[in-house]
Amino acid sequence: MALGNVEKDTEGWIELINQYLQYCIEIGLSPYTQATYKVALAKVLGVSSTNFIATQPRTRANHMNNRVLHKDYRLSNKNNDYWHKVVTATGLRKNELIHVTGDPLQRGRDGRWYLNLADHKHHTKERRDRWSPIMATSQEEEEWLVAIFQRAGEKKVFHVPKDLILDDFDGKKVPTALKSHKYPAEYAERVYRSVVREISKIRNRKEVIHLRKELVGI
């Protein structure tokens, strides 16, 4: 297909872009990616994106990103298991993992272990202090994690000292390739399930949260 100047042959370019968008749909690109390409190409062409074919609707159900992956394929199974266990129990983000020290570990009045994270010291999100419960899946896992923090003391937890061999040290250096987006989400779910209430038992209906769009009523 021979195409001329964009201003003189807009219809020809639109037809070609429609073919490309159809290809994006057929190869399984996410609806969000389809929409991004569509808007960008419309801007380059100087036309409204409504001139192109309709792409797939964007919903939460078909939102595709690395948060839905069960593991990070750039890391070994051993490292995946290690960081999955750590992050899903602590909720620490990558930058927090790099800077967290052992001293924030404290016992709460309820007898549970918590991380009392300080803003600038531990590089928390938006530099806010945070009091986070340890949400281990078992007593054994909790004891293992508590031992790692207690051993580190005022030093960084996930840092391997030069004078120790990795196999002899519980803490590991945070890998550069670590993308632990899904793990804090799993931690948040554990926290939520630990405090969730039956809707039928909530007397104040204003405390009931209604989700948007396709999730309303769930």
C-alpha atoms as a PDB file:
ATOM      1  CA  MET A   1       0.000   0.000   0.000  1.00  0.00           C
ATOM      2  CA  ALA A   2       1.587   3.249  -1.165  1.00  0.00           C
ATOM      3  CA  LEU A   3       0.916   6.128   1.190  1.00  0.00           C
ATOM      4  CA  GLY A   4       1.427   9.792   0.551  1.00  0.00           C
ATOM      5  CA  ASN A   5       1.754  12.784   2.826  1.00  0.00           C
ATOM      6  CA  VAL A   6      -0.163  12.369   6.087  1.00  0.00           C
ATOM      7  CA  GLU A   7      -2.171  15.562   5.524  1.00  0.00           C
ATOM      8  CA  LYS A   8      -3.134  14.535   1.966  1.00  0.00           C
ATOM      9  CA  ASP A   9      -3.734  10.828   2.573  1.00  0.00           C
ATOM     10  CA  THR A  10      -5.214  10.667   6.066  1.00  0.00           C
ATOM     11  CA  GLU A  11      -7.713   7.963   5.126  1.00  0.00           C
ATOM     12  CA  GLY A  12      -4.939   5.722   3.829  1.00  0.00           C
ATOM     13  CA  TRP A  13      -2.984   6.081   7.066  1.00  0.00           C
ATOM     14  CA  ILE A  14      -6.098   5.409   9.147  1.00  0.00           C
ATOM     15  CA  GLU A  15      -6.699   2.188   7.219  1.00  0.00           C
ATOM     16  CA  LEU A  16      -3.107   1.075   7.818  1.00  0.00           C
ATOM     17  CA  ILE A  17      -3.285   1.916  11.529  1.00  0.00           C
ATOM     18  CA  ASN A  18      -6.558  -0.007  11.827  1.00  0.00           C
ATOM     19  CA  GLN A  19      -4.786  -3.054  10.411  1.00  0.00           C
ATOM     20  CA  TYR A  20      -2.030  -2.615  12.983  1.00  0.00           C
ATOM     21  CA  LEU A  21      -4.503  -2.240  15.859  1.00  0.00           C
ATOM     22  CA  GLN A  22      -6.312  -5.374  14.710  1.00  0.00           C
ATOM     23  CA  TYR A  23      -2.970  -7.185  14.739  1.00  0.00           C
ATOM     24  CA  CYS A  24      -2.347  -5.960  18.322  1.00  0.00           C
ATOM     25  CA  ILE A  25      -5.711  -7.411  19.348  1.00  0.00           C
ATOM     26  CA  GLU A  26      -5.077 -10.741  17.629  1.00  0.00           C
ATOM     27  CA  ILE A  27      -1.657 -11.294  19.235  1.00  0.00           C
ATOM     28  CA  GLY A  28      -3.158 -10.724  22.677  1.00  0.00           C
ATOM     29  CA  LEU A  29      -1.788  -7.351  23.767  1.00  0.00           C
ATOM     30  CA  SER A  30      -3.630  -6.078  26.836  1.00  0.00           C
ATOM     31  CA  PRO A  31      -6.544  -3.649  26.308  1.00  0.00           C
ATOM     32  CA  TYR A  32      -4.536  -1.002  28.165  1.00  0.00           C
ATOM     33  CA  THR A  33      -1.628  -1.369  25.726  1.00  0.00           C
ATOM     34  CA  GLN A  34      -4.011  -1.307  22.761  1.00  0.00           C
ATOM     35  CA  ALA A  35      -5.557   1.941  24.002  1.00  0.00           C
ATOM     36  CA  THR A  36      -2.134   3.503  24.601  1.00  0.00           C
ATOM     37  CA  TYR A  37      -0.988   2.708  21.060  1.00  0.00           C
ATOM     38  CA  LYS A  38      -4.275   3.949  19.627  1.00  0.00           C
ATOM     39  CA  VAL A  39      -4.114   7.330  21.371  1.00  0.00           C
ATOM     40  CA  ALA A  40      -0.427   7.806  20.532  1.00  0.00           C
ATOM     41  CA  LEU A  41      -0.959   7.070  16.837  1.00  0.00           C
ATOM     42  CA  ALA A  42      -3.971   9.392  16.736  1.00  0.00           C
ATOM     43  CA  LYS A  43      -1.814  12.167  18.162  1.00  0.00           C
ATOM     44  CA  VAL A  44       0.897  11.592  15.547  1.00  0.00           C
ATOM     45  CA  LEU A  45      -1.677  11.586  12.755  1.00  0.00           C
ATOM     46  CA  GLY A  46      -3.459  14.629  14.139  1.00  0.00           C
ATOM     47  CA  VAL A  47      -6.900  13.014  14.276  1.00  0.00           C
ATOM     48  CA  SER A  48      -9.284  11.771  16.945  1.00  0.00           C
ATOM     49  CA  SER A  49      -8.771   8.192  18.134  1.00  0.00           C
ATOM     50  CA  THR A  50     -12.461   7.594  17.356  1.00  0.00           C
ATOM     51  CA  ASN A  51     -11.447   7.416  13.686  1.00  0.00           C
ATOM     52  CA  PHE A  52      -9.822   4.045  14.373  1.00  0.00           C
ATOM     53  CA  ILE A  53     -11.406   0.669  15.071  1.00  0.00           C
ATOM     54  CA  ALA A  54     -12.601  -0.038  18.593  1.00  0.00           C
ATOM     55  CA  THR A  55     -10.071  -1.773  20.803  1.00  0.00           C
ATOM     56  CA  GLN A  56     -11.007  -4.149  23.607  1.00  0.00           C
ATOM     57  CA  PRO A  57     -12.639  -2.549  26.688  1.00  0.00           C
ATOM     58  CA  ARG A  58     -10.428  -1.903  29.694  1.00  0.00           C
ATOM     59  CA  THR A  59     -11.640  -3.542  32.896  1.00  0.00           C
ATOM     60  CA  ARG A  60      -9.989  -4.608  36.120  1.00  0.00           C
ATOM     61  CA  ALA A  61     -10.554  -8.230  35.182  1.00  0.00           C
ATOM     62  CA  ASN A  62      -8.340  -8.019  32.071  1.00  0.00           C
ATOM     63  CA  HIS A  63      -5.700  -5.686  33.501  1.00  0.00           C
ATOM     64  CA  MET A  64      -2.373  -7.355  32.687  1.00  0.00           C
ATOM     65  CA  ASN A  65       0.910  -6.460  34.370  1.00  0.00           C
ATOM     66  CA  ASN A  66       3.642  -8.054  36.450  1.00  0.00           C
ATOM     67  CA  ARG A  67       1.529  -7.801  39.608  1.00  0.00           C
ATOM     68  CA  VAL A  68      -0.428 -10.849  38.501  1.00  0.00           C
ATOM     69  CA  LEU A  69       2.633 -13.027  37.987  1.00  0.00           C
ATOM     70  CA  HIS A  70       3.200 -15.671  40.648  1.00  0.00           C
ATOM     71  CA  LYS A  71       6.981 -15.421  40.337  1.00  0.00           C
ATOM     72  CA  ASP A  72       9.727 -13.261  38.876  1.00  0.00           C
ATOM     73  CA  TYR A  73      11.237 -15.288  36.036  1.00  0.00           C
ATOM     74  CA  ARG A  74      14.493 -13.322  36.169  1.00  0.00           C
ATOM     75  CA  LEU A  75      15.301 -14.861  39.563  1.00  0.00           C
ATOM     76  CA  SER A  76      15.970 -18.464  40.506  1.00  0.00           C
ATOM     77  CA  ASN A  77      13.261 -20.519  42.206  1.00  0.00           C
ATOM     78  CA  LYS A  78      15.273 -20.390  45.440  1.00  0.00           C
ATOM     79  CA  ASN A  79      15.494 -16.592  45.397  1.00  0.00           C
ATOM     80  CA  ASN A  80      11.844 -16.269  44.404  1.00  0.00           C
ATOM     81  CA  ASP A  81      10.792 -18.410  47.355  1.00  0.00           C
ATOM     82  CA  TYR A  82      13.021 -16.448  49.739  1.00  0.00           C
ATOM     83  CA  TRP A  83      11.795 -12.983  48.759  1.00  0.00           C
ATOM     84  CA  HIS A  84       8.203 -14.142  48.458  1.00  0.00           C
ATOM     85  CA  LYS A  85       8.361 -15.379  52.050  1.00  0.00           C
ATOM     86  CA  VAL A  86       9.965 -12.140  53.292  1.00  0.00           C
ATOM     87  CA  VAL A  87       7.806  -9.604  51.451  1.00  0.00           C
ATOM     88  CA  THR A  88       4.437 -11.314  51.868  1.00  0.00           C
ATOM     89  CA  ALA A  89       5.079 -11.438  55.622  1.00  0.00           C
ATOM     90  CA  THR A  90       6.391  -7.863  56.015  1.00  0.00           C
ATOM     91  CA  GLY A  91       4.879  -5.859  53.148  1.00  0.00           C
ATOM     92  CA  LEU A  92       8.218  -4.138  52.576  1.00  0.00           C
ATOM     93  CA  ARG A  93       8.752  -2.447  49.222  1.00  0.00           C
ATOM     94  CA  LYS A  94      12.018  -2.856  47.348  1.00  0.00           C
ATOM     95  CA  ASN A  95      13.541   0.423  48.561  1.00  0.00           C
ATOM     96  CA  GLU A  96      12.497  -0.420  52.107  1.00  0.00           C
ATOM     97  CA  LEU A  97      14.085  -3.864  51.834  1.00  0.00           C
ATOM     98  CA  ILE A  98      17.367  -2.215  50.906  1.00  0.00           C
ATOM     99  CA  HIS A  99      17.364   0.191  53.867  1.00  0.00           C
ATOM    100  CA  VAL A 100      15.458  -1.574  56.647  1.00  0.00           C
ATOM    101  CA  THR A 101      17.398  -2.307  59.834  1.00  0.00           C
ATOM    102  CA  GLY A 102      16.656  -4.884  62.499  1.00  0.00           C
ATOM    103  CA  ASP A 103      15.717  -2.507  65.321  1.00  0.00           C
ATOM    104  CA  PRO A 104      12.195  -1.560  64.072  1.00  0.00           C
ATOM    105  CA  LEU A 105      11.013  -5.047  65.065  1.00  0.00           C
ATOM    106  CA  GLN A 106       8.837  -4.643  68.157  1.00  0.00           C
ATOM    107  CA  ARG A 107       6.215  -6.549  70.120  1.00  0.00           C
ATOM    108  CA  GLY A 108       2.778  -4.961  70.134  1.00  0.00           C
ATOM    109  CA  ARG A 109       0.393  -4.874  73.079  1.00  0.00           C
ATOM    110  CA  ASP A 110      -1.543  -7.672  71.423  1.00  0.00           C
ATOM    111  CA  GLY A 111       1.547  -9.898  71.545  1.00  0.00           C
ATOM    112  CA  ARG A 112       2.120  -9.788  67.789  1.00  0.00           C
ATOM    113  CA  TRP A 113       5.332  -8.695  66.086  1.00  0.00           C
ATOM    114  CA  TYR A 114       5.356  -5.377  64.210  1.00  0.00           C
ATOM    115  CA  LEU A 115       7.790  -3.310  62.148  1.00  0.00           C
ATOM    116  CA  ASN A 116       7.886   0.297  63.373  1.00  0.00           C
ATOM    117  CA  LEU A 117       9.324   1.859  60.216  1.00  0.00           C
ATOM    118  CA  ALA A 118      10.767   5.384  60.258  1.00  0.00           C
ATOM    119  CA  ASP A 119      10.357   7.688  57.281  1.00  0.00           C
ATOM    120  CA  HIS A 120      13.806   8.805  56.110  1.00  0.00           C
ATOM    121  CA  LYS A 121      15.791   6.094  57.873  1.00  0.00           C
ATOM    122  CA  HIS A 122      14.016   3.229  56.135  1.00  0.00           C
ATOM    123  CA  HIS A 123      13.026   5.089  52.937  1.00  0.00           C
ATOM    124  CA  THR A 124       9.306   4.419  53.296  1.00  0.00           C
ATOM    125  CA  LYS A 125       6.856   5.490  50.602  1.00  0.00           C
ATOM    126  CA  GLU A 126       6.317   9.261  50.717  1.00  0.00           C
ATOM    127  CA  ARG A 127       8.623   9.212  53.765  1.00  0.00           C
ATOM    128  CA  ARG A 128       5.810   8.336  56.152  1.00  0.00           C
ATOM    129  CA  ASP A 129       6.205   6.391  59.377  1.00  0.00           C
ATOM    130  CA  ARG A 130       4.458   3.027  59.303  1.00  0.00           C
ATOM    131  CA  TRP A 131       3.485   0.429  61.912  1.00  0.00           C
ATOM    132  CA  SER A 132       3.213  -2.855  59.999  1.00  0.00           C
ATOM    133  CA  PRO A 133       2.214  -6.225  61.479  1.00  0.00           C
ATOM    134  CA  ILE A 134       4.222  -9.330  60.622  1.00  0.00           C
ATOM    135  CA  MET A 135       1.841 -11.573  58.662  1.00  0.00           C
ATOM    136  CA  ALA A 136       3.681 -14.903  58.497  1.00  0.00           C
ATOM    137  CA  THR A 137       1.834 -18.025  57.366  1.00  0.00           C
ATOM    138  CA  SER A 138       3.043 -20.135  60.296  1.00  0.00           C
ATOM    139  CA  GLN A 139       4.731 -19.929  63.686  1.00  0.00           C
ATOM    140  CA  GLU A 140       7.880 -21.416  62.175  1.00  0.00           C
ATOM    141  CA  GLU A 141       7.998 -18.792  59.437  1.00  0.00           C
ATOM    142  CA  GLU A 142       7.453 -16.004  61.971  1.00  0.00           C
ATOM    143  CA  GLU A 143      10.280 -17.256  64.200  1.00  0.00           C
ATOM    144  CA  TRP A 144      12.593 -17.494  61.177  1.00  0.00           C
ATOM    145  CA  LEU A 145      11.819 -13.926  60.141  1.00  0.00           C
ATOM    146  CA  VAL A 146      12.075 -12.515  63.671  1.00  0.00           C
ATOM    147  CA  ALA A 147      15.494 -14.163  64.064  1.00  0.00           C
ATOM    148  CA  ILE A 148      16.746 -12.455  60.891  1.00  0.00           C
ATOM    149  CA  PHE A 149      15.745  -9.009  62.170  1.00  0.00           C
ATOM    150  CA  GLN A 150      17.027  -9.596  65.693  1.00  0.00           C
ATOM    151  CA  ARG A 151      20.362 -10.799  64.393  1.00  0.00           C
ATOM    152  CA  ALA A 152      20.782  -7.661  62.278  1.00  0.00           C
ATOM    153  CA  GLY A 153      20.177  -5.333  65.231  1.00  0.00           C
ATOM    154  CA  GLU A 154      20.820  -1.720  64.230  1.00  0.00           C
ATOM    155  CA  LYS A 155      22.430  -2.814  60.967  1.00  0.00           C
ATOM    156  CA  LYS A 156      20.673  -3.377  57.658  1.00  0.00           C
ATOM    157  CA  VAL A 157      18.811  -6.672  57.608  1.00  0.00           C
ATOM    158  CA  PHE A 158      19.220  -7.649  53.974  1.00  0.00           C
ATOM    159  CA  HIS A 159      22.902  -7.001  53.497  1.00  0.00           C
ATOM    160  CA  VAL A 160      25.613  -9.649  53.384  1.00  0.00           C
ATOM    161  CA  PRO A 161      28.718  -8.689  55.415  1.00  0.00           C
ATOM    162  CA  LYS A 162      31.978  -9.195  53.540  1.00  0.00           C
ATOM    163  CA  ASP A 163      33.393 -11.444  56.251  1.00  0.00           C
ATOM    164  CA  LEU A 164      30.495 -13.928  56.111  1.00  0.00           C
ATOM    165  CA  ILE A 165      29.642 -16.556  53.518  1.00  0.00           C
ATOM    166  CA  LEU A 166      26.112 -16.292  52.140  1.00  0.00           C
ATOM    167  CA  ASP A 167      25.164 -19.810  53.238  1.00  0.00           C
ATOM    168  CA  ASP A 168      26.110 -18.946  56.833  1.00  0.00           C
ATOM    169  CA  PHE A 169      24.024 -15.769  56.945  1.00  0.00           C
ATOM    170  CA  ASP A 170      20.230 -15.513  57.081  1.00  0.00           C
ATOM    171  CA  GLY A 171      20.040 -12.093  55.459  1.00  0.00           C
ATOM    172  CA  LYS A 172      20.533 -11.759  51.706  1.00  0.00           C
ATOM    173  CA  LYS A 173      21.381  -8.749  49.596  1.00  0.00           C
ATOM    174  CA  VAL A 174      18.344  -7.388  47.742  1.00  0.00           C
ATOM    175  CA  PRO A 175      18.759  -8.362  44.053  1.00  0.00           C
ATOM    176  CA  THR A 176      18.742  -5.535  41.524  1.00  0.00           C
ATOM    177  CA  ALA A 177      16.356  -7.555  39.356  1.00  0.00           C
ATOM    178  CA  LEU A 178      13.804  -7.997  42.147  1.00  0.00           C
ATOM    179  CA  LYS A 179      10.353  -6.785  41.069  1.00  0.00           C
ATOM    180  CA  SER A 180       8.198  -7.653  44.031  1.00  0.00           C
ATOM    181  CA  HIS A 181       4.984  -5.853  43.018  1.00  0.00           C
ATOM    182  CA  LYS A 182       2.738  -8.844  43.587  1.00  0.00           C
ATOM    183  CA  TYR A 183       4.191  -9.716  46.977  1.00  0.00           C
ATOM    184  CA  PRO A 184       3.063  -6.557  48.875  1.00  0.00           C
ATOM    185  CA  ALA A 185      -0.377  -7.086  47.343  1.00  0.00           C
ATOM    186  CA  GLU A 186      -0.473 -10.546  48.902  1.00  0.00           C
ATOM    187  CA  TYR A 187       0.632  -9.032  52.211  1.00  0.00           C
ATOM    188  CA  ALA A 188      -2.175  -6.465  51.999  1.00  0.00           C
ATOM    189  CA  GLU A 189      -4.663  -9.271  51.395  1.00  0.00           C
ATOM    190  CA  ARG A 190      -3.435 -11.071  54.519  1.00  0.00           C
ATOM    191  CA  VAL A 191      -3.848  -7.902  56.587  1.00  0.00           C
ATOM    192  CA  TYR A 192      -7.306  -7.346  55.135  1.00  0.00           C
ATOM    193  CA  ARG A 193      -8.442 -10.884  55.870  1.00  0.00           C
ATOM    194  CA  SER A 194      -7.214 -10.568  59.449  1.00  0.00           C
ATOM    195  CA  VAL A 195      -9.600  -7.658  60.136  1.00  0.00           C
ATOM    196  CA  VAL A 196     -12.432  -8.202  57.622  1.00  0.00           C
ATOM    197  CA  ARG A 197     -15.990  -8.249  58.982  1.00  0.00           C
ATOM    198  CA  GLU A 198     -19.129  -9.933  57.716  1.00  0.00           C
ATOM    199  CA  ILE A 199     -21.236  -7.329  55.904  1.00  0.00           C
ATOM    200  CA  SER A 200     -24.369  -8.572  57.641  1.00  0.00           C
ATOM    201  CA  LYS A 201     -22.784  -7.767  61.013  1.00  0.00           C
ATOM    202  CA  ILE A 202     -21.889  -4.160  60.165  1.00  0.00           C
ATOM    203  CA  ARG A 203     -24.575  -1.991  61.752  1.00  0.00           C
ATOM    204  CA  ASN A 204     -23.396   1.316  60.296  1.00  0.00           C
ATOM    205  CA  ARG A 205     -24.057   0.949  56.556  1.00  0.00           C
ATOM    206  CA  LYS A 206     -21.756   3.901  55.846  1.00  0.00           C
ATOM    207  CA  GLU A 207     -18.843   1.642  56.768  1.00  0.00           C
ATOM    208  CA  VAL A 208     -19.675  -0.744  53.915  1.00  0.00           C
ATOM    209  CA  ILE A 209     -17.393  -0.183  50.913  1.00  0.00           C
ATOM    210  CA  HIS A 210     -18.953  -0.422  47.446  1.00  0.00           C
ATOM    211  CA  LEU A 211     -16.569  -1.144  44.564  1.00  0.00           C
ATOM    212  CA  ARG A 212     -16.808   0.595  41.199  1.00  0.00           C
ATOM    213  CA  LYS A 213     -17.916  -0.516  37.755  1.00  0.00           C
ATOM    214  CA  GLU A 214     -17.966  -4.263  37.153  1.00  0.00           C
ATOM    215  CA  LEU A 215     -17.138  -5.106  40.779  1.00  0.00           C
ATOM    216  CA  VAL A 216     -20.199  -3.384  42.281  1.00  0.00           C
ATOM    217  CA  GLY A 217     -22.146  -5.782  44.451  1.00  0.00           C
ATOM    218  CA  ILE A 218     -19.264  -8.193  45.078  1.00  0.00           C
END
